[in-house]
Amino acid sequence: MSAKNRDRHNRFRNITVGFRVSPEEQEQLNRAVALSGLPKQEYCYRKCMDRTITVQPNPRVYKALKDSLAEVLEELKQISTGVQPSDELLEDIALITTTLNGIKGGENA
């Protein structure tokens, strides 16, 4: 039998919590998780418990930033002049901005 995974307070997490999301929400969640550099479980746990998420710069986070910026650029290119960007696109831009500012300034993102 494998060793039990315990958190930093020596608590064993054996309760499963699940929830349903739409495909668009899943895409947003996956993008936020990738930009945080955390595993999805830890990211969701910290957000649900209203804890701070500190982005630790690493190659995976930089790649996620690059990919997210490329996706945003493609969406912006497809928007015709005078059309308001979608709320999801604006939220993605805000998340990317927050992450970049956090990495640049060493602040929490």
PDB file of N, CA and C in Angstrom:
ATOM      1  N   MET A   1       0.839  -1.175   0.000  1.00  0.00           N
ATOM      2  CA  MET A   1       0.000   0.000   0.000  1.00  0.00           C
ATOM      3  C   MET A   1       0.885   1.240   0.000  1.00  0.00           C
ATOM      4  N   SER A   2       0.500   2.246  -0.778  1.00  0.00           N
ATOM      5  CA  SER A   2       1.312   3.450  -0.880  1.00  0.00           C
ATOM      6  C   SER A   2       1.130   4.337   0.355  1.00  0.00           C
ATOM      7  N   ALA A   3       2.081   5.219   0.539  1.00  0.00           N
ATOM      8  CA  ALA A   3       2.008   6.144   1.676  1.00  0.00           C
ATOM      9  C   ALA A   3       0.877   7.136   1.454  1.00  0.00           C
ATOM     10  N   LYS A   4       0.235   7.555   2.539  1.00  0.00           N
ATOM     11  CA  LYS A   4      -0.853   8.518   2.458  1.00  0.00           C
ATOM     12  C   LYS A   4      -0.284   9.915   2.280  1.00  0.00           C
ATOM     13  N   ASN A   5      -0.912  10.660   1.384  1.00  0.00           N
ATOM     14  CA  ASN A   5      -0.490  12.040   1.152  1.00  0.00           C
ATOM     15  C   ASN A   5      -1.082  12.933   2.231  1.00  0.00           C
ATOM     16  N   ARG A   6      -0.242  13.689   2.857  1.00  0.00           N
ATOM     17  CA  ARG A   6      -0.677  14.596   3.908  1.00  0.00           C
ATOM     18  C   ARG A   6      -0.256  16.010   3.545  1.00  0.00           C
ATOM     19  N   ASP A   7      -1.024  16.982   4.017  1.00  0.00           N
ATOM     20  CA  ASP A   7      -0.673  18.367   3.733  1.00  0.00           C
ATOM     21  C   ASP A   7       0.376  18.834   4.730  1.00  0.00           C
ATOM     22  N   ARG A   8       0.730  20.113   4.662  1.00  0.00           N
ATOM     23  CA  ARG A   8       1.815  20.614   5.519  1.00  0.00           C
ATOM     24  C   ARG A   8       1.454  20.646   7.001  1.00  0.00           C
ATOM     25  N   HIS A   9       0.154  20.480   7.325  1.00  0.00           N
ATOM     26  CA  HIS A   9      -0.274  20.419   8.721  1.00  0.00           C
ATOM     27  C   HIS A   9      -0.526  18.981   9.155  1.00  0.00           C
ATOM     28  N   ASN A  10       0.001  18.036   8.378  1.00  0.00           N
ATOM     29  CA  ASN A  10      -0.088  16.608   8.667  1.00  0.00           C
ATOM     30  C   ASN A  10      -1.540  16.107   8.669  1.00  0.00           C
ATOM     31  N   ARG A  11      -2.392  16.737   7.837  1.00  0.00           N
ATOM     32  CA  ARG A  11      -3.781  16.285   7.705  1.00  0.00           C
ATOM     33  C   ARG A  11      -3.895  15.419   6.467  1.00  0.00           C
ATOM     34  N   PHE A  12      -4.607  14.328   6.591  1.00  0.00           N
ATOM     35  CA  PHE A  12      -4.838  13.432   5.469  1.00  0.00           C
ATOM     36  C   PHE A  12      -6.136  13.822   4.781  1.00  0.00           C
ATOM     37  N   ARG A  13      -6.057  14.108   3.507  1.00  0.00           N
ATOM     38  CA  ARG A  13      -7.244  14.514   2.754  1.00  0.00           C
ATOM     39  C   ARG A  13      -7.842  13.282   2.079  1.00  0.00           C
ATOM     40  N   ASN A  14      -8.940  12.800   2.647  1.00  0.00           N
ATOM     41  CA  ASN A  14      -9.564  11.612   2.090  1.00  0.00           C
ATOM     42  C   ASN A  14     -11.007  11.843   1.649  1.00  0.00           C
ATOM     43  N   ILE A  15     -11.488  13.076   1.690  1.00  0.00           N
ATOM     44  CA  ILE A  15     -12.836  13.419   1.276  1.00  0.00           C
ATOM     45  C   ILE A  15     -12.767  13.951  -0.161  1.00  0.00           C
ATOM     46  N   THR A  16     -13.671  13.488  -1.016  1.00  0.00           N
ATOM     47  CA  THR A  16     -13.721  13.948  -2.394  1.00  0.00           C
ATOM     48  C   THR A  16     -14.852  14.951  -2.556  1.00  0.00           C
ATOM     49  N   VAL A  17     -14.546  16.082  -3.180  1.00  0.00           N
ATOM     50  CA  VAL A  17     -15.531  17.110  -3.474  1.00  0.00           C
ATOM     51  C   VAL A  17     -15.494  17.324  -4.987  1.00  0.00           C
ATOM     52  N   GLY A  18     -16.649  17.304  -5.620  1.00  0.00           N
ATOM     53  CA  GLY A  18     -16.702  17.495  -7.069  1.00  0.00           C
ATOM     54  C   GLY A  18     -17.786  18.488  -7.433  1.00  0.00           C
ATOM     55  N   PHE A  19     -17.667  19.072  -8.608  1.00  0.00           N
ATOM     56  CA  PHE A  19     -18.679  19.997  -9.088  1.00  0.00           C
ATOM     57  C   PHE A  19     -18.662  19.982 -10.602  1.00  0.00           C
ATOM     58  N   ARG A  20     -19.766  20.409 -11.190  1.00  0.00           N
ATOM     59  CA  ARG A  20     -19.900  20.427 -12.645  1.00  0.00           C
ATOM     60  C   ARG A  20     -19.667  21.837 -13.177  1.00  0.00           C
ATOM     61  N   VAL A  21     -19.053  21.894 -14.360  1.00  0.00           N
ATOM     62  CA  VAL A  21     -18.822  23.164 -15.025  1.00  0.00           C
ATOM     63  C   VAL A  21     -19.149  23.011 -16.508  1.00  0.00           C
ATOM     64  N   SER A  22     -19.392  24.120 -17.167  1.00  0.00           N
ATOM     65  CA  SER A  22     -19.614  24.104 -18.611  1.00  0.00           C
ATOM     66  C   SER A  22     -18.255  23.977 -19.308  1.00  0.00           C
ATOM     67  N   PRO A  23     -18.241  23.637 -20.590  1.00  0.00           N
ATOM     68  CA  PRO A  23     -16.960  23.573 -21.314  1.00  0.00           C
ATOM     69  C   PRO A  23     -16.205  24.903 -21.284  1.00  0.00           C
ATOM     70  N   GLU A  24     -16.940  26.021 -21.363  1.00  0.00           N
ATOM     71  CA  GLU A  24     -16.284  27.329 -21.315  1.00  0.00           C
ATOM     72  C   GLU A  24     -15.676  27.585 -19.938  1.00  0.00           C
ATOM     73  N   GLU A  25     -16.403  27.202 -18.887  1.00  0.00           N
ATOM     74  CA  GLU A  25     -15.881  27.370 -17.522  1.00  0.00           C
ATOM     75  C   GLU A  25     -14.673  26.470 -17.298  1.00  0.00           C
ATOM     76  N   GLN A  26     -14.703  25.278 -17.865  1.00  0.00           N
ATOM     77  CA  GLN A  26     -13.563  24.369 -17.734  1.00  0.00           C
ATOM     78  C   GLN A  26     -12.327  24.968 -18.398  1.00  0.00           C
ATOM     79  N   GLU A  27     -12.532  25.576 -19.562  1.00  0.00           N
ATOM     80  CA  GLU A  27     -11.418  26.217 -20.259  1.00  0.00           C
ATOM     81  C   GLU A  27     -10.832  27.351 -19.417  1.00  0.00           C
ATOM     82  N   GLN A  28     -11.697  28.167 -18.828  1.00  0.00           N
ATOM     83  CA  GLN A  28     -11.229  29.264 -17.969  1.00  0.00           C
ATOM     84  C   GLN A  28     -10.514  28.723 -16.732  1.00  0.00           C
ATOM     85  N   LEU A  29     -11.064  27.675 -16.130  1.00  0.00           N
ATOM     86  CA  LEU A  29     -10.441  27.075 -14.945  1.00  0.00           C
ATOM     87  C   LEU A  29      -9.074  26.510 -15.301  1.00  0.00           C
ATOM     88  N   ASN A  30      -8.993  25.791 -16.409  1.00  0.00           N
ATOM     89  CA  ASN A  30      -7.712  25.211 -16.814  1.00  0.00           C
ATOM     90  C   ASN A  30      -6.681  26.293 -17.098  1.00  0.00           C
ATOM     91  N   ARG A  31      -7.109  27.402 -17.695  1.00  0.00           N
ATOM     92  CA  ARG A  31      -6.177  28.497 -17.961  1.00  0.00           C
ATOM     93  C   ARG A  31      -5.677  29.103 -16.649  1.00  0.00           C
ATOM     94  N   ALA A  32      -6.584  29.325 -15.702  1.00  0.00           N
ATOM     95  CA  ALA A  32      -6.194  29.901 -14.409  1.00  0.00           C
ATOM     96  C   ALA A  32      -5.246  28.967 -13.655  1.00  0.00           C
ATOM     97  N   VAL A  33      -5.521  27.669 -13.719  1.00  0.00           N
ATOM     98  CA  VAL A  33      -4.653  26.688 -13.055  1.00  0.00           C
ATOM     99  C   VAL A  33      -3.262  26.714 -13.687  1.00  0.00           C
ATOM    100  N   ALA A  34      -3.213  26.731 -15.026  1.00  0.00           N
ATOM    101  CA  ALA A  34      -1.915  26.750 -15.711  1.00  0.00           C
ATOM    102  C   ALA A  34      -1.120  28.008 -15.366  1.00  0.00           C
ATOM    103  N   LEU A  35      -1.812  29.146 -15.289  1.00  0.00           N
ATOM    104  CA  LEU A  35      -1.119  30.401 -14.972  1.00  0.00           C
ATOM    105  C   LEU A  35      -0.661  30.460 -13.516  1.00  0.00           C
ATOM    106  N   SER A  36      -1.323  29.693 -12.642  1.00  0.00           N
ATOM    107  CA  SER A  36      -0.927  29.708 -11.226  1.00  0.00           C
ATOM    108  C   SER A  36       0.297  28.855 -10.954  1.00  0.00           C
ATOM    109  N   GLY A  37       0.506  27.829 -11.788  1.00  0.00           N
ATOM    110  CA  GLY A  37       1.615  26.912 -11.554  1.00  0.00           C
ATOM    111  C   GLY A  37       1.316  25.869 -10.496  1.00  0.00           C
ATOM    112  N   LEU A  38       0.082  25.839  -9.995  1.00  0.00           N
ATOM    113  CA  LEU A  38      -0.329  24.882  -8.970  1.00  0.00           C
ATOM    114  C   LEU A  38      -1.054  23.703  -9.598  1.00  0.00           C
ATOM    115  N   PRO A  39      -1.094  22.566  -8.907  1.00  0.00           N
ATOM    116  CA  PRO A  39      -1.975  21.488  -9.353  1.00  0.00           C
ATOM    117  C   PRO A  39      -3.435  21.954  -9.241  1.00  0.00           C
ATOM    118  N   LYS A  40      -4.309  21.396 -10.073  1.00  0.00           N
ATOM    119  CA  LYS A  40      -5.704  21.829 -10.104  1.00  0.00           C
ATOM    120  C   LYS A  40      -6.367  21.664  -8.737  1.00  0.00           C
ATOM    121  N   GLN A  41      -6.097  20.556  -8.049  1.00  0.00           N
ATOM    122  CA  GLN A  41      -6.696  20.340  -6.732  1.00  0.00           C
ATOM    123  C   GLN A  41      -6.303  21.441  -5.766  1.00  0.00           C
ATOM    124  N   GLU A  42      -5.029  21.785  -5.732  1.00  0.00           N
ATOM    125  CA  GLU A  42      -4.554  22.811  -4.804  1.00  0.00           C
ATOM    126  C   GLU A  42      -5.111  24.181  -5.174  1.00  0.00           C
ATOM    127  N   TYR A  43      -5.178  24.474  -6.477  1.00  0.00           N
ATOM    128  CA  TYR A  43      -5.725  25.750  -6.924  1.00  0.00           C
ATOM    129  C   TYR A  43      -7.188  25.882  -6.482  1.00  0.00           C
ATOM    130  N   CYS A  44      -7.992  24.859  -6.761  1.00  0.00           N
ATOM    131  CA  CYS A  44      -9.422  24.896  -6.396  1.00  0.00           C
ATOM    132  C   CYS A  44      -9.595  24.986  -4.881  1.00  0.00           C
ATOM    133  N   TYR A  45      -8.789  24.251  -4.148  1.00  0.00           N
ATOM    134  CA  TYR A  45      -8.867  24.278  -2.693  1.00  0.00           C
ATOM    135  C   TYR A  45      -8.591  25.687  -2.164  1.00  0.00           C
ATOM    136  N   ARG A  46      -7.520  26.295  -2.658  1.00  0.00           N
ATOM    137  CA  ARG A  46      -7.169  27.637  -2.172  1.00  0.00           C
ATOM    138  C   ARG A  46      -8.220  28.676  -2.552  1.00  0.00           C
ATOM    139  N   LYS A  47      -8.766  28.585  -3.767  1.00  0.00           N
ATOM    140  CA  LYS A  47      -9.797  29.537  -4.180  1.00  0.00           C
ATOM    141  C   LYS A  47     -11.062  29.359  -3.341  1.00  0.00           C
ATOM    142  N   CYS A  48     -11.457  28.120  -3.103  1.00  0.00           N
ATOM    143  CA  CYS A  48     -12.674  27.859  -2.315  1.00  0.00           C
ATOM    144  C   CYS A  48     -12.518  28.323  -0.872  1.00  0.00           C
ATOM    145  N   MET A  49     -11.340  28.196  -0.342  1.00  0.00           N
ATOM    146  CA  MET A  49     -11.089  28.574   1.043  1.00  0.00           C
ATOM    147  C   MET A  49     -10.649  30.035   1.155  1.00  0.00           C
ATOM    148  N   ASP A  50     -10.695  30.766   0.044  1.00  0.00           N
ATOM    149  CA  ASP A  50     -10.347  32.183  -0.010  1.00  0.00           C
ATOM    150  C   ASP A  50      -8.927  32.440   0.499  1.00  0.00           C
ATOM    151  N   ARG A  51      -8.016  31.572   0.062  1.00  0.00           N
ATOM    152  CA  ARG A  51      -6.608  31.722   0.432  1.00  0.00           C
ATOM    153  C   ARG A  51      -5.851  32.373  -0.715  1.00  0.00           C
ATOM    154  N   THR A  52      -4.735  32.954  -0.411  1.00  0.00           N
ATOM    155  CA  THR A  52      -3.916  33.638  -1.409  1.00  0.00           C
ATOM    156  C   THR A  52      -3.235  32.620  -2.316  1.00  0.00           C
ATOM    157  N   ILE A  53      -3.217  32.941  -3.591  1.00  0.00           N
ATOM    158  CA  ILE A  53      -2.503  32.112  -4.557  1.00  0.00           C
ATOM    159  C   ILE A  53      -1.289  32.906  -5.013  1.00  0.00           C
ATOM    160  N   THR A  54      -0.112  32.417  -4.671  1.00  0.00           N
ATOM    161  CA  THR A  54       1.129  33.071  -5.038  1.00  0.00           C
ATOM    162  C   THR A  54       1.727  32.328  -6.220  1.00  0.00           C
ATOM    163  N   VAL A  55       1.922  33.035  -7.307  1.00  0.00           N
ATOM    164  CA  VAL A  55       2.484  32.422  -8.509  1.00  0.00           C
ATOM    165  C   VAL A  55       3.998  32.357  -8.360  1.00  0.00           C
ATOM    166  N   GLN A  56       4.525  31.154  -8.478  1.00  0.00           N
ATOM    167  CA  GLN A  56       5.966  30.956  -8.450  1.00  0.00           C
ATOM    168  C   GLN A  56       6.439  30.827  -9.894  1.00  0.00           C
ATOM    169  N   PRO A  57       7.175  31.806 -10.408  1.00  0.00           N
ATOM    170  CA  PRO A  57       7.601  31.740 -11.809  1.00  0.00           C
ATOM    171  C   PRO A  57       8.428  30.487 -12.079  1.00  0.00           C
ATOM    172  N   ASN A  58       8.072  29.792 -13.117  1.00  0.00           N
ATOM    173  CA  ASN A  58       8.813  28.630 -13.576  1.00  0.00           C
ATOM    174  C   ASN A  58       8.533  28.465 -15.062  1.00  0.00           C
ATOM    175  N   PRO A  59       9.233  27.592 -15.745  1.00  0.00           N
ATOM    176  CA  PRO A  59       9.033  27.444 -17.187  1.00  0.00           C
ATOM    177  C   PRO A  59       7.588  27.099 -17.579  1.00  0.00           C
ATOM    178  N   ARG A  60       6.893  26.308 -16.766  1.00  0.00           N
ATOM    179  CA  ARG A  60       5.501  25.964 -17.083  1.00  0.00           C
ATOM    180  C   ARG A  60       4.601  27.197 -17.044  1.00  0.00           C
ATOM    181  N   VAL A  61       4.811  28.068 -16.069  1.00  0.00           N
ATOM    182  CA  VAL A  61       3.997  29.284 -15.956  1.00  0.00           C
ATOM    183  C   VAL A  61       4.277  30.207 -17.142  1.00  0.00           C
ATOM    184  N   TYR A  62       5.551  30.364 -17.513  1.00  0.00           N
ATOM    185  CA  TYR A  62       5.891  31.209 -18.656  1.00  0.00           C
ATOM    186  C   TYR A  62       5.289  30.654 -19.956  1.00  0.00           C
ATOM    187  N   LYS A  63       5.302  29.331 -20.113  1.00  0.00           N
ATOM    188  CA  LYS A  63       4.701  28.727 -21.304  1.00  0.00           C
ATOM    189  C   LYS A  63       3.196  28.953 -21.300  1.00  0.00           C
ATOM    190  N   ALA A  64       2.551  28.813 -20.145  1.00  0.00           N
ATOM    191  CA  ALA A  64       1.113  29.056 -20.054  1.00  0.00           C
ATOM    192  C   ALA A  64       0.788  30.512 -20.383  1.00  0.00           C
ATOM    193  N   LEU A  65       1.613  31.434 -19.912  1.00  0.00           N
ATOM    194  CA  LEU A  65       1.420  32.855 -20.234  1.00  0.00           C
ATOM    195  C   LEU A  65       1.545  33.093 -21.733  1.00  0.00           C
ATOM    196  N   LYS A  66       2.571  32.514 -22.333  1.00  0.00           N
ATOM    197  CA  LYS A  66       2.788  32.679 -23.767  1.00  0.00           C
ATOM    198  C   LYS A  66       1.604  32.121 -24.551  1.00  0.00           C
ATOM    199  N   ASP A  67       1.149  30.928 -24.203  1.00  0.00           N
ATOM    200  CA  ASP A  67       0.021  30.308 -24.897  1.00  0.00           C
ATOM    201  C   ASP A  67      -1.262  31.115 -24.711  1.00  0.00           C
ATOM    202  N   SER A  68      -1.498  31.591 -23.493  1.00  0.00           N
ATOM    203  CA  SER A  68      -2.706  32.372 -23.215  1.00  0.00           C
ATOM    204  C   SER A  68      -2.696  33.689 -23.986  1.00  0.00           C
ATOM    205  N   LEU A  69      -1.550  34.329 -24.029  1.00  0.00           N
ATOM    206  CA  LEU A  69      -1.445  35.587 -24.788  1.00  0.00           C
ATOM    207  C   LEU A  69      -1.659  35.347 -26.279  1.00  0.00           C
ATOM    208  N   ALA A  70      -1.170  34.226 -26.793  1.00  0.00           N
ATOM    209  CA  ALA A  70      -1.373  33.907 -28.206  1.00  0.00           C
ATOM    210  C   ALA A  70      -2.861  33.682 -28.495  1.00  0.00           C
ATOM    211  N   GLU A  71      -3.568  32.997 -27.587  1.00  0.00           N
ATOM    212  CA  GLU A  71      -5.011  32.771 -27.762  1.00  0.00           C
ATOM    213  C   GLU A  71      -5.782  34.089 -27.714  1.00  0.00           C
ATOM    214  N   VAL A  72      -5.412  34.962 -26.791  1.00  0.00           N
ATOM    215  CA  VAL A  72      -6.076  36.264 -26.680  1.00  0.00           C
ATOM    216  C   VAL A  72      -5.832  37.077 -27.950  1.00  0.00           C
ATOM    217  N   LEU A  73      -4.619  37.061 -28.455  1.00  0.00           N
ATOM    218  CA  LEU A  73      -4.294  37.792 -29.679  1.00  0.00           C
ATOM    219  C   LEU A  73      -5.143  37.291 -30.846  1.00  0.00           C
ATOM    220  N   GLU A  74      -5.289  35.975 -30.976  1.00  0.00           N
ATOM    221  CA  GLU A  74      -6.105  35.416 -32.057  1.00  0.00           C
ATOM    222  C   GLU A  74      -7.559  35.859 -31.930  1.00  0.00           C
ATOM    223  N   GLU A  75      -8.085  35.852 -30.728  1.00  0.00           N
ATOM    224  CA  GLU A  75      -9.469  36.293 -30.520  1.00  0.00           C
ATOM    225  C   GLU A  75      -9.621  37.783 -30.837  1.00  0.00           C
ATOM    226  N   LEU A  76      -8.645  38.579 -30.438  1.00  0.00           N
ATOM    227  CA  LEU A  76      -8.706  40.018 -30.725  1.00  0.00           C
ATOM    228  C   LEU A  76      -8.627  40.287 -32.224  1.00  0.00           C
ATOM    229  N   LYS A  77      -7.855  39.495 -32.958  1.00  0.00           N
ATOM    230  CA  LYS A  77      -7.757  39.659 -34.405  1.00  0.00           C
ATOM    231  C   LYS A  77      -9.090  39.358 -35.086  1.00  0.00           C
ATOM    232  N   GLN A  78      -9.862  38.424 -34.505  1.00  0.00           N
ATOM    233  CA  GLN A  78     -11.131  38.021 -35.108  1.00  0.00           C
ATOM    234  C   GLN A  78     -12.265  39.005 -34.814  1.00  0.00           C
ATOM    235  N   ILE A  79     -12.078  39.844 -33.820  1.00  0.00           N
ATOM    236  CA  ILE A  79     -13.118  40.817 -33.470  1.00  0.00           C
ATOM    237  C   ILE A  79     -13.073  41.967 -34.477  1.00  0.00           C
ATOM    238  N   SER A  80     -14.217  42.244 -35.065  1.00  0.00           N
ATOM    239  CA  SER A  80     -14.253  43.352 -36.022  1.00  0.00           C
ATOM    240  C   SER A  80     -14.257  44.680 -35.269  1.00  0.00           C
ATOM    241  N   THR A  81     -13.901  45.714 -35.954  1.00  0.00           N
ATOM    242  CA  THR A  81     -13.814  47.045 -35.366  1.00  0.00           C
ATOM    243  C   THR A  81     -15.170  47.477 -34.816  1.00  0.00           C
ATOM    244  N   GLY A  82     -15.159  48.013 -33.616  1.00  0.00           N
ATOM    245  CA  GLY A  82     -16.378  48.521 -33.006  1.00  0.00           C
ATOM    246  C   GLY A  82     -17.174  47.486 -32.237  1.00  0.00           C
ATOM    247  N   VAL A  83     -16.748  46.234 -32.248  1.00  0.00           N
ATOM    248  CA  VAL A  83     -17.460  45.183 -31.524  1.00  0.00           C
ATOM    249  C   VAL A  83     -16.836  45.029 -30.144  1.00  0.00           C
ATOM    250  N   GLN A  84     -17.682  44.948 -29.132  1.00  0.00           N
ATOM    251  CA  GLN A  84     -17.218  44.789 -27.744  1.00  0.00           C
ATOM    252  C   GLN A  84     -16.693  43.371 -27.520  1.00  0.00           C
ATOM    253  N   PRO A  85     -15.494  43.200 -26.947  1.00  0.00           N
ATOM    254  CA  PRO A  85     -14.989  41.856 -26.643  1.00  0.00           C
ATOM    255  C   PRO A  85     -15.889  41.159 -25.618  1.00  0.00           C
ATOM    256  N   SER A  86     -15.888  39.834 -25.635  1.00  0.00           N
ATOM    257  CA  SER A  86     -16.714  39.063 -24.705  1.00  0.00           C
ATOM    258  C   SER A  86     -16.210  39.224 -23.271  1.00  0.00           C
ATOM    259  N   ASP A  87     -17.093  38.961 -22.328  1.00  0.00           N
ATOM    260  CA  ASP A  87     -16.719  39.039 -20.911  1.00  0.00           C
ATOM    261  C   ASP A  87     -15.626  38.038 -20.583  1.00  0.00           C
ATOM    262  N   GLU A  88     -15.691  36.840 -21.189  1.00  0.00           N
ATOM    263  CA  GLU A  88     -14.681  35.809 -20.937  1.00  0.00           C
ATOM    264  C   GLU A  88     -13.301  36.277 -21.387  1.00  0.00           C
ATOM    265  N   LEU A  89     -13.255  36.923 -22.560  1.00  0.00           N
ATOM    266  CA  LEU A  89     -11.982  37.422 -23.062  1.00  0.00           C
ATOM    267  C   LEU A  89     -11.426  38.500 -22.137  1.00  0.00           C
ATOM    268  N   LEU A  90     -12.274  39.394 -21.674  1.00  0.00           N
ATOM    269  CA  LEU A  90     -11.826  40.435 -20.750  1.00  0.00           C
ATOM    270  C   LEU A  90     -11.345  39.843 -19.426  1.00  0.00           C
ATOM    271  N   GLU A  91     -12.020  38.796 -18.940  1.00  0.00           N
ATOM    272  CA  GLU A  91     -11.582  38.127 -17.709  1.00  0.00           C
ATOM    273  C   GLU A  91     -10.230  37.460 -17.916  1.00  0.00           C
ATOM    274  N   ASP A  92     -10.042  36.830 -19.087  1.00  0.00           N
ATOM    275  CA  ASP A  92      -8.751  36.201 -19.383  1.00  0.00           C
ATOM    276  C   ASP A  92      -7.631  37.242 -19.415  1.00  0.00           C
ATOM    277  N   ILE A  93      -7.899  38.383 -20.040  1.00  0.00           N
ATOM    278  CA  ILE A  93      -6.895  39.454 -20.104  1.00  0.00           C
ATOM    279  C   ILE A  93      -6.564  39.958 -18.697  1.00  0.00           C
ATOM    280  N   ALA A  94      -7.590  40.099 -17.858  1.00  0.00           N
ATOM    281  CA  ALA A  94      -7.356  40.549 -16.477  1.00  0.00           C
ATOM    282  C   ALA A  94      -6.525  39.532 -15.701  1.00  0.00           C
ATOM    283  N   LEU A  95      -6.806  38.244 -15.878  1.00  0.00           N
ATOM    284  CA  LEU A  95      -6.044  37.198 -15.191  1.00  0.00           C
ATOM    285  C   LEU A  95      -4.586  37.196 -15.647  1.00  0.00           C
ATOM    286  N   ILE A  96      -4.371  37.311 -16.941  1.00  0.00           N
ATOM    287  CA  ILE A  96      -3.002  37.343 -17.469  1.00  0.00           C
ATOM    288  C   ILE A  96      -2.261  38.565 -16.943  1.00  0.00           C
ATOM    289  N   THR A  97      -2.930  39.703 -16.919  1.00  0.00           N
ATOM    290  CA  THR A  97      -2.322  40.944 -16.411  1.00  0.00           C
ATOM    291  C   THR A  97      -1.944  40.804 -14.946  1.00  0.00           C
ATOM    292  N   THR A  98      -2.847  40.254 -14.152  1.00  0.00           N
ATOM    293  CA  THR A  98      -2.580  40.050 -12.723  1.00  0.00           C
ATOM    294  C   THR A  98      -1.382  39.126 -12.527  1.00  0.00           C
ATOM    295  N   THR A  99      -1.335  38.059 -13.307  1.00  0.00           N
ATOM    296  CA  THR A  99      -0.219  37.107 -13.195  1.00  0.00           C
ATOM    297  C   THR A  99       1.096  37.771 -13.580  1.00  0.00           C
ATOM    298  N   LEU A 100       1.101  38.495 -14.684  1.00  0.00           N
ATOM    299  CA  LEU A 100       2.330  39.178 -15.114  1.00  0.00           C
ATOM    300  C   LEU A 100       2.785  40.213 -14.098  1.00  0.00           C
ATOM    301  N   ASN A 101       1.843  40.974 -13.553  1.00  0.00           N
ATOM    302  CA  ASN A 101       2.208  41.969 -12.544  1.00  0.00           C
ATOM    303  C   ASN A 101       2.762  41.296 -11.299  1.00  0.00           C
ATOM    304  N   GLY A 102       2.197  40.167 -10.924  1.00  0.00           N
ATOM    305  CA  GLY A 102       2.674  39.437  -9.755  1.00  0.00           C
ATOM    306  C   GLY A 102       4.072  38.915  -9.947  1.00  0.00           C
ATOM    307  N   ILE A 103       4.349  38.417 -11.147  1.00  0.00           N
ATOM    308  CA  ILE A 103       5.688  37.891 -11.438  1.00  0.00           C
ATOM    309  C   ILE A 103       6.690  39.045 -11.501  1.00  0.00           C
ATOM    310  N   LYS A 104       6.306  40.118 -12.157  1.00  0.00           N
ATOM    311  CA  LYS A 104       7.183  41.277 -12.321  1.00  0.00           C
ATOM    312  C   LYS A 104       7.539  41.914 -10.983  1.00  0.00           C
ATOM    313  N   GLY A 105       6.514  42.084 -10.138  1.00  0.00           N
ATOM    314  CA  GLY A 105       6.731  42.775  -8.886  1.00  0.00           C
ATOM    315  C   GLY A 105       6.962  41.866  -7.700  1.00  0.00           C
ATOM    316  N   GLY A 106       6.856  40.528  -7.924  1.00  0.00           N
ATOM    317  CA  GLY A 106       7.021  39.604  -6.811  1.00  0.00           C
ATOM    318  C   GLY A 106       5.851  39.658  -5.854  1.00  0.00           C
ATOM    319  N   GLU A 107       4.709  40.179  -6.334  1.00  0.00           N
ATOM    320  CA  GLU A 107       3.513  40.285  -5.487  1.00  0.00           C
ATOM    321  C   GLU A 107       2.666  39.040  -5.651  1.00  0.00           C
ATOM    322  N   ASN A 108       1.639  38.924  -4.802  1.00  0.00           N
ATOM    323  CA  ASN A 108       0.701  37.823  -4.934  1.00  0.00           C
ATOM    324  C   ASN A 108      -0.169  38.062  -6.148  1.00  0.00           C
ATOM    325  N   ALA A 109      -0.486  36.979  -6.851  1.00  0.00           N
ATOM    326  CA  ALA A 109      -1.363  37.104  -8.016  1.00  0.00           C
ATOM    327  C   ALA A 109      -2.632  36.330  -7.797  1.00  0.00           C
TER     328      ALA A 109
END
